[in-house]
Amino acid sequence: MLNNGRNDSSRIYPLEEDLLVPIYKELYSLVGEAGTVAIFNAFKGRQIQFPMRFYKKEAIVQQIKNSDRQVTNKELAKRYDVTERFIRSVRSQ
């Protein structure tokens, strides 16, 4: 049950994993009980869509431009989840 209805520190304890809706069950397995409750309290009722990319393109471009030339295109592509072709394009600018 909610702790006095307060949004700032409300918690649901003890958490009953077998009663969770699928998305909260998945979050529970990824971030644990405290993380799941924190996410629930922060975002309940909202639809959230996560971008496919973790980093901003502009930031990746800057990192590539500043990278040591000894770091291979393949290594940079893997690090930033982009193609080697993209790395070559940025490095040639």
PDB file of N, CA and C in Angstrom:
ATOM      1  N   MET A   1       0.836  -1.185   0.000  1.00  0.00           N
ATOM      2  CA  MET A   1       0.000   0.000   0.000  1.00  0.00           C
ATOM      3  C   MET A   1       0.875   1.240   0.000  1.00  0.00           C
ATOM      4  N   LEU A   2       0.328   2.380  -0.451  1.00  0.00           N
ATOM      5  CA  LEU A   2       1.086   3.615  -0.494  1.00  0.00           C
ATOM      6  C   LEU A   2       1.249   4.166   0.910  1.00  0.00           C
ATOM      7  N   ASN A   3       2.379   4.757   1.142  1.00  0.00           N
ATOM      8  CA  ASN A   3       2.720   5.300   2.443  1.00  0.00           C
ATOM      9  C   ASN A   3       2.063   6.667   2.618  1.00  0.00           C
ATOM     10  N   ASN A   4       0.862   6.720   3.172  1.00  0.00           N
ATOM     11  CA  ASN A   4       0.111   7.940   3.428  1.00  0.00           C
ATOM     12  C   ASN A   4      -0.148   8.779   2.182  1.00  0.00           C
ATOM     13  N   GLY A   5      -0.061   8.189   0.992  1.00  0.00           N
ATOM     14  CA  GLY A   5      -0.347   8.913  -0.230  1.00  0.00           C
ATOM     15  C   GLY A   5       0.667   9.969  -0.615  1.00  0.00           C
ATOM     16  N   ARG A   6       1.797  10.033   0.067  1.00  0.00           N
ATOM     17  CA  ARG A   6       2.810  11.041  -0.260  1.00  0.00           C
ATOM     18  C   ARG A   6       3.562  10.625  -1.505  1.00  0.00           C
ATOM     19  N   ASN A   7       3.711  11.551  -2.456  1.00  0.00           N
ATOM     20  CA  ASN A   7       4.415  11.255  -3.694  1.00  0.00           C
ATOM     21  C   ASN A   7       5.921  11.292  -3.536  1.00  0.00           C
ATOM     22  N   ASP A   8       6.430  12.112  -2.606  1.00  0.00           N
ATOM     23  CA  ASP A   8       7.870  12.276  -2.497  1.00  0.00           C
ATOM     24  C   ASP A   8       8.572  11.035  -1.972  1.00  0.00           C
ATOM     25  N   SER A   9       7.997  10.360  -1.035  1.00  0.00           N
ATOM     26  CA  SER A   9       8.684   9.199  -0.470  1.00  0.00           C
ATOM     27  C   SER A   9       7.777   7.979  -0.360  1.00  0.00           C
ATOM     28  N   SER A  10       6.682   7.974  -1.124  1.00  0.00           N
ATOM     29  CA  SER A  10       5.762   6.843  -1.023  1.00  0.00           C
ATOM     30  C   SER A  10       6.434   5.569  -1.514  1.00  0.00           C
ATOM     31  N   ARG A  11       6.187   4.481  -0.796  1.00  0.00           N
ATOM     32  CA  ARG A  11       6.772   3.193  -1.153  1.00  0.00           C
ATOM     33  C   ARG A  11       5.712   2.121  -0.997  1.00  0.00           C
ATOM     34  N   ILE A  12       5.880   1.094  -1.774  1.00  0.00           N
ATOM     35  CA  ILE A  12       4.961  -0.035  -1.715  1.00  0.00           C
ATOM     36  C   ILE A  12       5.752  -1.203  -1.145  1.00  0.00           C
ATOM     37  N   TYR A  13       5.482  -1.545   0.115  1.00  0.00           N
ATOM     38  CA  TYR A  13       6.222  -2.633   0.751  1.00  0.00           C
ATOM     39  C   TYR A  13       5.265  -3.513   1.519  1.00  0.00           C
ATOM     40  N   PRO A  14       5.524  -4.768   1.645  1.00  0.00           N
ATOM     41  CA  PRO A  14       6.555  -5.473   0.874  1.00  0.00           C
ATOM     42  C   PRO A  14       6.072  -5.662  -0.557  1.00  0.00           C
ATOM     43  N   LEU A  15       6.983  -5.601  -1.483  1.00  0.00           N
ATOM     44  CA  LEU A  15       6.657  -5.758  -2.896  1.00  0.00           C
ATOM     45  C   LEU A  15       6.366  -7.230  -3.166  1.00  0.00           C
ATOM     46  N   GLU A  16       5.252  -7.514  -3.792  1.00  0.00           N
ATOM     47  CA  GLU A  16       4.873  -8.888  -4.119  1.00  0.00           C
ATOM     48  C   GLU A  16       5.100  -9.103  -5.606  1.00  0.00           C
ATOM     49  N   GLU A  17       6.257  -9.665  -5.946  1.00  0.00           N
ATOM     50  CA  GLU A  17       6.693  -9.802  -7.331  1.00  0.00           C
ATOM     51  C   GLU A  17       5.685 -10.541  -8.204  1.00  0.00           C
ATOM     52  N   ASP A  18       5.072 -11.568  -7.686  1.00  0.00           N
ATOM     53  CA  ASP A  18       4.140 -12.354  -8.503  1.00  0.00           C
ATOM     54  C   ASP A  18       2.858 -11.591  -8.849  1.00  0.00           C
ATOM     55  N   LEU A  19       2.600 -10.457  -8.210  1.00  0.00           N
ATOM     56  CA  LEU A  19       1.422  -9.647  -8.500  1.00  0.00           C
ATOM     57  C   LEU A  19       1.711  -8.505  -9.472  1.00  0.00           C
ATOM     58  N   LEU A  20       2.970  -8.287  -9.799  1.00  0.00           N
ATOM     59  CA  LEU A  20       3.359  -7.155 -10.638  1.00  0.00           C
ATOM     60  C   LEU A  20       2.884  -7.316 -12.077  1.00  0.00           C
ATOM     61  N   VAL A  21       2.517  -6.184 -12.696  1.00  0.00           N
ATOM     62  CA  VAL A  21       2.227  -6.198 -14.128  1.00  0.00           C
ATOM     63  C   VAL A  21       3.550  -6.437 -14.851  1.00  0.00           C
ATOM     64  N   PRO A  22       3.514  -6.962 -16.074  1.00  0.00           N
ATOM     65  CA  PRO A  22       4.743  -7.388 -16.761  1.00  0.00           C
ATOM     66  C   PRO A  22       5.871  -6.355 -16.816  1.00  0.00           C
ATOM     67  N   ILE A  23       5.564  -5.086 -17.098  1.00  0.00           N
ATOM     68  CA  ILE A  23       6.642  -4.103 -17.205  1.00  0.00           C
ATOM     69  C   ILE A  23       7.335  -3.890 -15.861  1.00  0.00           C
ATOM     70  N   TYR A  24       6.581  -3.875 -14.774  1.00  0.00           N
ATOM     71  CA  TYR A  24       7.196  -3.706 -13.458  1.00  0.00           C
ATOM     72  C   TYR A  24       7.946  -4.967 -13.034  1.00  0.00           C
ATOM     73  N   LYS A  25       7.466  -6.109 -13.465  1.00  0.00           N
ATOM     74  CA  LYS A  25       8.173  -7.361 -13.181  1.00  0.00           C
ATOM     75  C   LYS A  25       9.536  -7.350 -13.875  1.00  0.00           C
ATOM     76  N   GLU A  26       9.558  -6.868 -15.121  1.00  0.00           N
ATOM     77  CA  GLU A  26      10.822  -6.783 -15.862  1.00  0.00           C
ATOM     78  C   GLU A  26      11.768  -5.770 -15.215  1.00  0.00           C
ATOM     79  N   LEU A  27      11.225  -4.620 -14.834  1.00  0.00           N
ATOM     80  CA  LEU A  27      12.051  -3.625 -14.145  1.00  0.00           C
ATOM     81  C   LEU A  27      12.602  -4.180 -12.839  1.00  0.00           C
ATOM     82  N   TYR A  28      11.765  -4.909 -12.124  1.00  0.00           N
ATOM     83  CA  TYR A  28      12.187  -5.511 -10.860  1.00  0.00           C
ATOM     84  C   TYR A  28      13.398  -6.415 -11.070  1.00  0.00           C
ATOM     85  N   SER A  29      13.374  -7.192 -12.150  1.00  0.00           N
ATOM     86  CA  SER A  29      14.503  -8.095 -12.406  1.00  0.00           C
ATOM     87  C   SER A  29      15.749  -7.328 -12.842  1.00  0.00           C
ATOM     88  N   LEU A  30      15.575  -6.149 -13.416  1.00  0.00           N
ATOM     89  CA  LEU A  30      16.716  -5.355 -13.876  1.00  0.00           C
ATOM     90  C   LEU A  30      17.306  -4.455 -12.795  1.00  0.00           C
ATOM     91  N   VAL A  31      16.451  -3.777 -12.028  1.00  0.00           N
ATOM     92  CA  VAL A  31      16.949  -2.758 -11.094  1.00  0.00           C
ATOM     93  C   VAL A  31      16.611  -3.033  -9.631  1.00  0.00           C
ATOM     94  N   GLY A  32      15.934  -4.134  -9.372  1.00  0.00           N
ATOM     95  CA  GLY A  32      15.624  -4.483  -7.992  1.00  0.00           C
ATOM     96  C   GLY A  32      14.396  -3.756  -7.459  1.00  0.00           C
ATOM     97  N   GLU A  33      14.097  -4.059  -6.215  1.00  0.00           N
ATOM     98  CA  GLU A  33      12.878  -3.542  -5.595  1.00  0.00           C
ATOM     99  C   GLU A  33      12.898  -2.028  -5.432  1.00  0.00           C
ATOM    100  N   ALA A  34      13.957  -1.493  -4.857  1.00  0.00           N
ATOM    101  CA  ALA A  34      14.023  -0.049  -4.612  1.00  0.00           C
ATOM    102  C   ALA A  34      13.987   0.733  -5.923  1.00  0.00           C
ATOM    103  N   GLY A  35      14.703   0.254  -6.929  1.00  0.00           N
ATOM    104  CA  GLY A  35      14.709   0.926  -8.228  1.00  0.00           C
ATOM    105  C   GLY A  35      13.349   0.899  -8.888  1.00  0.00           C
ATOM    106  N   THR A  36      12.673  -0.233  -8.803  1.00  0.00           N
ATOM    107  CA  THR A  36      11.341  -0.370  -9.396  1.00  0.00           C
ATOM    108  C   THR A  36      10.360   0.585  -8.734  1.00  0.00           C
ATOM    109  N   VAL A  37      10.395   0.646  -7.426  1.00  0.00           N
ATOM    110  CA  VAL A  37       9.496   1.541  -6.698  1.00  0.00           C
ATOM    111  C   VAL A  37       9.820   2.998  -7.025  1.00  0.00           C
ATOM    112  N   ALA A  38      11.103   3.338  -7.132  1.00  0.00           N
ATOM    113  CA  ALA A  38      11.497   4.709  -7.479  1.00  0.00           C
ATOM    114  C   ALA A  38      11.000   5.081  -8.873  1.00  0.00           C
ATOM    115  N   ILE A  39      11.146   4.174  -9.827  1.00  0.00           N
ATOM    116  CA  ILE A  39      10.665   4.421 -11.190  1.00  0.00           C
ATOM    117  C   ILE A  39       9.145   4.554 -11.192  1.00  0.00           C
ATOM    118  N   PHE A  40       8.472   3.684 -10.460  1.00  0.00           N
ATOM    119  CA  PHE A  40       7.014   3.750 -10.345  1.00  0.00           C
ATOM    120  C   PHE A  40       6.580   5.113  -9.811  1.00  0.00           C
ATOM    121  N   ASN A  41       7.191   5.556  -8.729  1.00  0.00           N
ATOM    122  CA  ASN A  41       6.813   6.828  -8.118  1.00  0.00           C
ATOM    123  C   ASN A  41       7.116   8.016  -9.021  1.00  0.00           C
ATOM    124  N   ALA A  42       8.193   7.942  -9.773  1.00  0.00           N
ATOM    125  CA  ALA A  42       8.580   9.062 -10.631  1.00  0.00           C
ATOM    126  C   ALA A  42       7.760   9.143 -11.914  1.00  0.00           C
ATOM    127  N   PHE A  43       7.373   7.993 -12.463  1.00  0.00           N
ATOM    128  CA  PHE A  43       6.789   7.987 -13.805  1.00  0.00           C
ATOM    129  C   PHE A  43       5.415   7.340 -13.927  1.00  0.00           C
ATOM    130  N   LYS A  44       4.787   6.944 -12.842  1.00  0.00           N
ATOM    131  CA  LYS A  44       3.500   6.241 -12.948  1.00  0.00           C
ATOM    132  C   LYS A  44       2.488   7.074 -13.731  1.00  0.00           C
ATOM    133  N   GLY A  45       1.774   6.385 -14.615  1.00  0.00           N
ATOM    134  CA  GLY A  45       0.753   7.027 -15.421  1.00  0.00           C
ATOM    135  C   GLY A  45       1.257   7.626 -16.721  1.00  0.00           C
ATOM    136  N   ARG A  46       2.563   7.653 -16.918  1.00  0.00           N
ATOM    137  CA  ARG A  46       3.140   8.233 -18.142  1.00  0.00           C
ATOM    138  C   ARG A  46       3.572   7.136 -19.097  1.00  0.00           C
ATOM    139  N   GLN A  47       3.559   7.470 -20.372  1.00  0.00           N
ATOM    140  CA  GLN A  47       4.141   6.574 -21.367  1.00  0.00           C
ATOM    141  C   GLN A  47       5.539   7.082 -21.648  1.00  0.00           C
ATOM    142  N   ILE A  48       6.504   6.192 -21.599  1.00  0.00           N
ATOM    143  CA  ILE A  48       7.894   6.569 -21.832  1.00  0.00           C
ATOM    144  C   ILE A  48       8.416   5.769 -23.006  1.00  0.00           C
ATOM    145  N   GLN A  49       9.079   6.474 -23.903  1.00  0.00           N
ATOM    146  CA  GLN A  49       9.689   5.819 -25.051  1.00  0.00           C
ATOM    147  C   GLN A  49      11.179   6.129 -25.000  1.00  0.00           C
ATOM    148  N   PHE A  50      12.003   5.093 -25.031  1.00  0.00           N
ATOM    149  CA  PHE A  50      13.442   5.281 -24.952  1.00  0.00           C
ATOM    150  C   PHE A  50      14.046   5.321 -26.345  1.00  0.00           C
ATOM    151  N   PRO A  51      14.934   6.299 -26.609  1.00  0.00           N
ATOM    152  CA  PRO A  51      15.598   6.370 -27.917  1.00  0.00           C
ATOM    153  C   PRO A  51      16.449   5.131 -28.172  1.00  0.00           C
ATOM    154  N   MET A  52      16.653   4.819 -29.442  1.00  0.00           N
ATOM    155  CA  MET A  52      17.498   3.683 -29.814  1.00  0.00           C
ATOM    156  C   MET A  52      18.960   3.964 -29.502  1.00  0.00           C
ATOM    157  N   ARG A  53      19.343   5.217 -29.547  1.00  0.00           N
ATOM    158  CA  ARG A  53      20.727   5.605 -29.280  1.00  0.00           C
ATOM    159  C   ARG A  53      20.867   6.060 -27.837  1.00  0.00           C
ATOM    160  N   PHE A  54      21.980   5.695 -27.220  1.00  0.00           N
ATOM    161  CA  PHE A  54      22.229   6.066 -25.834  1.00  0.00           C
ATOM    162  C   PHE A  54      22.868   7.448 -25.747  1.00  0.00           C
ATOM    163  N   TYR A  55      23.743   7.762 -26.710  1.00  0.00           N
ATOM    164  CA  TYR A  55      24.468   9.031 -26.705  1.00  0.00           C
ATOM    165  C   TYR A  55      23.939   9.971 -27.779  1.00  0.00           C
ATOM    166  N   LYS A  56      24.109  11.290 -27.539  1.00  0.00           N
ATOM    167  CA  LYS A  56      23.742  12.298 -28.528  1.00  0.00           C
ATOM    168  C   LYS A  56      24.733  12.248 -29.680  1.00  0.00           C
ATOM    169  N   LYS A  57      24.229  12.392 -30.901  1.00  0.00           N
ATOM    170  CA  LYS A  57      25.073  12.321 -32.090  1.00  0.00           C
ATOM    171  C   LYS A  57      26.180  13.369 -32.039  1.00  0.00           C
ATOM    172  N   GLU A  58      25.852  14.586 -31.639  1.00  0.00           N
ATOM    173  CA  GLU A  58      26.840  15.662 -31.582  1.00  0.00           C
ATOM    174  C   GLU A  58      27.974  15.318 -30.620  1.00  0.00           C
ATOM    175  N   ALA A  59      27.634  14.689 -29.511  1.00  0.00           N
ATOM    176  CA  ALA A  59      28.644  14.301 -28.524  1.00  0.00           C
ATOM    177  C   ALA A  59      29.547  13.204 -29.077  1.00  0.00           C
ATOM    178  N   ILE A  60      28.965  12.261 -29.800  1.00  0.00           N
ATOM    179  CA  ILE A  60      29.756  11.186 -30.409  1.00  0.00           C
ATOM    180  C   ILE A  60      30.715  11.763 -31.438  1.00  0.00           C
ATOM    181  N   VAL A  61      30.221  12.672 -32.270  1.00  0.00           N
ATOM    182  CA  VAL A  61      31.072  13.296 -33.290  1.00  0.00           C
ATOM    183  C   VAL A  61      32.251  13.988 -32.621  1.00  0.00           C
ATOM    184  N   GLN A  62      31.996  14.722 -31.552  1.00  0.00           N
ATOM    185  CA  GLN A  62      33.073  15.422 -30.842  1.00  0.00           C
ATOM    186  C   GLN A  62      34.082  14.437 -30.264  1.00  0.00           C
ATOM    187  N   GLN A  63      33.603  13.344 -29.691  1.00  0.00           N
ATOM    188  CA  GLN A  63      34.498  12.333 -29.128  1.00  0.00           C
ATOM    189  C   GLN A  63      35.366  11.703 -30.216  1.00  0.00           C
ATOM    190  N   ILE A  64      34.776  11.451 -31.365  1.00  0.00           N
ATOM    191  CA  ILE A  64      35.527  10.854 -32.477  1.00  0.00           C
ATOM    192  C   ILE A  64      36.599  11.825 -32.953  1.00  0.00           C
ATOM    193  N   LYS A  65      36.231  13.102 -33.100  1.00  0.00           N
ATOM    194  CA  LYS A  65      37.194  14.109 -33.550  1.00  0.00           C
ATOM    195  C   LYS A  65      38.348  14.264 -32.563  1.00  0.00           C
ATOM    196  N   ASN A  66      38.058  14.104 -31.282  1.00  0.00           N
ATOM    197  CA  ASN A  66      39.083  14.258 -30.248  1.00  0.00           C
ATOM    198  C   ASN A  66      39.839  12.963 -29.955  1.00  0.00           C
ATOM    199  N   SER A  67      39.436  11.879 -30.575  1.00  0.00           N
ATOM    200  CA  SER A  67      40.040  10.583 -30.257  1.00  0.00           C
ATOM    201  C   SER A  67      41.449  10.471 -30.828  1.00  0.00           C
ATOM    202  N   ASP A  68      42.231   9.681 -30.150  1.00  0.00           N
ATOM    203  CA  ASP A  68      43.592   9.378 -30.587  1.00  0.00           C
ATOM    204  C   ASP A  68      43.507   8.580 -31.883  1.00  0.00           C
ATOM    205  N   ARG A  69      44.335   8.915 -32.838  1.00  0.00           N
ATOM    206  CA  ARG A  69      44.318   8.222 -34.135  1.00  0.00           C
ATOM    207  C   ARG A  69      44.750   6.765 -34.012  1.00  0.00           C
ATOM    208  N   GLN A  70      45.335   6.401 -32.887  1.00  0.00           N
ATOM    209  CA  GLN A  70      45.734   5.005 -32.688  1.00  0.00           C
ATOM    210  C   GLN A  70      44.529   4.118 -32.370  1.00  0.00           C
ATOM    211  N   VAL A  71      43.435   4.739 -31.948  1.00  0.00           N
ATOM    212  CA  VAL A  71      42.206   3.981 -31.702  1.00  0.00           C
ATOM    213  C   VAL A  71      41.576   3.715 -33.067  1.00  0.00           C
ATOM    214  N   THR A  72      41.318   2.460 -33.344  1.00  0.00           N
ATOM    215  CA  THR A  72      40.823   2.088 -34.677  1.00  0.00           C
ATOM    216  C   THR A  72      39.365   2.491 -34.876  1.00  0.00           C
ATOM    217  N   ASN A  73      38.997   2.593 -36.147  1.00  0.00           N
ATOM    218  CA  ASN A  73      37.600   2.875 -36.487  1.00  0.00           C
ATOM    219  C   ASN A  73      36.680   1.804 -35.921  1.00  0.00           C
ATOM    220  N   LYS A  74      37.136   0.568 -35.974  1.00  0.00           N
ATOM    221  CA  LYS A  74      36.339  -0.552 -35.461  1.00  0.00           C
ATOM    222  C   LYS A  74      36.091  -0.402 -33.962  1.00  0.00           C
ATOM    223  N   GLU A  75      37.137  -0.043 -33.222  1.00  0.00           N
ATOM    224  CA  GLU A  75      36.992   0.132 -31.773  1.00  0.00           C
ATOM    225  C   GLU A  75      36.021   1.270 -31.449  1.00  0.00           C
ATOM    226  N   LEU A  76      36.159   2.384 -32.160  1.00  0.00           N
ATOM    227  CA  LEU A  76      35.258   3.520 -31.926  1.00  0.00           C
ATOM    228  C   LEU A  76      33.819   3.174 -32.297  1.00  0.00           C
ATOM    229  N   ALA A  77      33.651   2.472 -33.399  1.00  0.00           N
ATOM    230  CA  ALA A  77      32.306   2.078 -33.825  1.00  0.00           C
ATOM    231  C   ALA A  77      31.634   1.213 -32.766  1.00  0.00           C
ATOM    232  N   LYS A  78      32.380   0.292 -32.209  1.00  0.00           N
ATOM    233  CA  LYS A  78      31.831  -0.587 -31.175  1.00  0.00           C
ATOM    234  C   LYS A  78      31.527   0.205 -29.900  1.00  0.00           C
ATOM    235  N   ARG A  79      32.441   1.092 -29.518  1.00  0.00           N
ATOM    236  CA  ARG A  79      32.280   1.882 -28.294  1.00  0.00           C
ATOM    237  C   ARG A  79      31.021   2.746 -28.341  1.00  0.00           C
ATOM    238  N   TYR A  80      30.766   3.368 -29.493  1.00  0.00           N
ATOM    239  CA  TYR A  80      29.657   4.315 -29.597  1.00  0.00           C
ATOM    240  C   TYR A  80      28.442   3.771 -30.346  1.00  0.00           C
ATOM    241  N   ASP A  81      28.471   2.498 -30.691  1.00  0.00           N
ATOM    242  CA  ASP A  81      27.348   1.838 -31.361  1.00  0.00           C
ATOM    243  C   ASP A  81      26.960   2.551 -32.659  1.00  0.00           C
ATOM    244  N   VAL A  82      27.986   2.801 -33.475  1.00  0.00           N
ATOM    245  CA  VAL A  82      27.787   3.382 -34.802  1.00  0.00           C
ATOM    246  C   VAL A  82      28.555   2.528 -35.800  1.00  0.00           C
ATOM    247  N   THR A  83      28.439   2.859 -37.082  1.00  0.00           N
ATOM    248  CA  THR A  83      29.145   2.079 -38.097  1.00  0.00           C
ATOM    249  C   THR A  83      30.560   2.615 -38.303  1.00  0.00           C
ATOM    250  N   GLU A  84      31.417   1.750 -38.822  1.00  0.00           N
ATOM    251  CA  GLU A  84      32.769   2.185 -39.163  1.00  0.00           C
ATOM    252  C   GLU A  84      32.713   3.246 -40.255  1.00  0.00           C
ATOM    253  N   ARG A  85      31.756   3.123 -41.134  1.00  0.00           N
ATOM    254  CA  ARG A  85      31.585   4.117 -42.199  1.00  0.00           C
ATOM    255  C   ARG A  85      31.325   5.503 -41.600  1.00  0.00           C
ATOM    256  N   PHE A  86      30.497   5.557 -40.569  1.00  0.00           N
ATOM    257  CA  PHE A  86      30.226   6.823 -39.884  1.00  0.00           C
ATOM    258  C   PHE A  86      31.510   7.372 -39.273  1.00  0.00           C
ATOM    259  N   ILE A  87      32.300   6.511 -38.644  1.00  0.00           N
ATOM    260  CA  ILE A  87      33.569   6.929 -38.036  1.00  0.00           C
ATOM    261  C   ILE A  87      34.489   7.506 -39.111  1.00  0.00           C
ATOM    262  N   ARG A  88      34.626   6.799 -40.219  1.00  0.00           N
ATOM    263  CA  ARG A  88      35.482   7.286 -41.317  1.00  0.00           C
ATOM    264  C   ARG A  88      35.010   8.644 -41.819  1.00  0.00           C
ATOM    265  N   SER A  89      33.711   8.797 -41.938  1.00  0.00           N
ATOM    266  CA  SER A  89      33.140  10.056 -42.411  1.00  0.00           C
ATOM    267  C   SER A  89      33.494  11.211 -41.472  1.00  0.00           C
ATOM    268  N   VAL A  90      33.357  10.984 -40.180  1.00  0.00           N
ATOM    269  CA  VAL A  90      33.664  12.029 -39.196  1.00  0.00           C
ATOM    270  C   VAL A  90      35.156  12.333 -39.198  1.00  0.00           C
ATOM    271  N   ARG A  91      35.978  11.305 -39.235  1.00  0.00           N
ATOM    272  CA  ARG A  91      37.428  11.506 -39.203  1.00  0.00           C
ATOM    273  C   ARG A  91      37.947  12.194 -40.460  1.00  0.00           C
ATOM    274  N   SER A  92      37.241  12.071 -41.561  1.00  0.00           N
ATOM    275  CA  SER A  92      37.712  12.680 -42.809  1.00  0.00           C
ATOM    276  C   SER A  92      37.330  14.159 -42.915  1.00  0.00           C
ATOM    277  N   GLN A  93      36.490  14.621 -42.026  1.00  0.00           N
ATOM    278  CA  GLN A  93      36.050  16.030 -42.062  1.00  0.00           C
ATOM    279  C   GLN A  93      37.140  16.961 -41.583  1.00  0.00           C
TER     280      GLN A  93
END
